[in-house]
Amino acid sequence: MSMHPPTRAPWTLREADFPIGATSYERARYLLRYAILAPSTKNTQPWKFVIAGDRIAILPDFTRWLRISDPDQRELHISLGCALENLIVAADHFGYACDVTYGASSEGPSEAVASVTLQPAAAGTPRLRPAGLFEALSVRQTIHGFFTARRVEPAVRRTLACLATDDDVRLALKHDRGTTCALAALSAHADVAELGDFDYRRELARVVGEGAFGNSWPVSKLGQIVLPHMNNGASLARRDEALMKDTLVGLISTVDDDRVSRIKAGQLFERMCLMAAMLGVSVHPMSQALQIPTLRREVAKVSGTSPLHPQQLFRIGYAPPQIRPHTPRRSVDQVIVAAEAV
């Protein structure tokens, strides 16, 4: 992990500061200021970027891979998909046509999981993404607490459902209590299993100690010391089960279960998060049950999505109004690497 602690400074950016007359490198660099605001598993921000001419390549940063909680790199690649989606939304807003290539291209770094080639869009070219998503890039937040009793309206559900436009990536929105209770029970089961594992707690403690969740330095370091020796799986399970039971639950699944499918799932998830922020709705990822193979299969069964592969489970609702600080981010300079360094 980086020796430079993340800060909240990356959230303070302005559309008016986009360097229109600058070099292509400086414009690409500014677009990446929006990409790094994407959510990621436990806020690990497992991405690197290479800028080469009109192309931006996205690479995994395996030093930030959580090997215990994410052994198959499912969440790592979903996180990369979220960053890719932010980049596309920002580029689209500033008048670029985006040609997305999944996997390494012949002209880019071999580690790349995707690359975006930027060209000025011709006059009258339709936008790639719905209007308004750009404004949500700098206000979107993940909400971990309880939602209000207000139900998500059918019109909001329909708007979110329309964001799934790829036949290989499916979105299911579940609000019947039988299904949400079953998914809540699986999530609770996963909490107990994960937090009962000392290595999982030690890995989580390392992330906490590095300040990923925005706690003060003393609190972060105290958490790093205490967490490995504190199994609070049962209490967390009760809380998470209560959180999920009576809310709208979303599940993104894919036809295949490869790296590209997971990146595309991440793109859809972030598109949903941005649209939800626009609509005043909150999103809370709760994919712990997908990190255990047997429970992941059960999620597919109880949600009625089998034989698709579940990739991202989350709940949707209205959070009580309050000021919440954004979680910290690494700076753009910390995540851009030179092509020859890859």
Foldseek 3Di string as FASTA:
>chain_A
DDPDFFDLVLLPDDPVPQCPPDALVSNLLVLLSLLQLFDADLLLSQWFWEDDHQKIFIAGNCVSDLCPLAVPCLRVLLRSLRSVLRSLVSLLVVQWDWDKDAADDPPAFNRTRMMIGTDGDDPPDDGPADPPLNVLSSVFAADDAAFDPDADDPVLVVVLQVLPDDPFKHKDKDQDLQLQLLLLQLLLVLLQVQLVDLSSQLSSLVSLCSQQQPDDNVVSVVSNVCRSVDRPSNVVSVRSSVRRRRFIKMWMWGQDDDSVNSSVNSSSVSSSSSVCVVVQKHKHWRCSSLSDPVSQVVNCVSSVNPPTGTRTMMTMHHHPDDDDRHGGGDRSVVRYDYRVVD
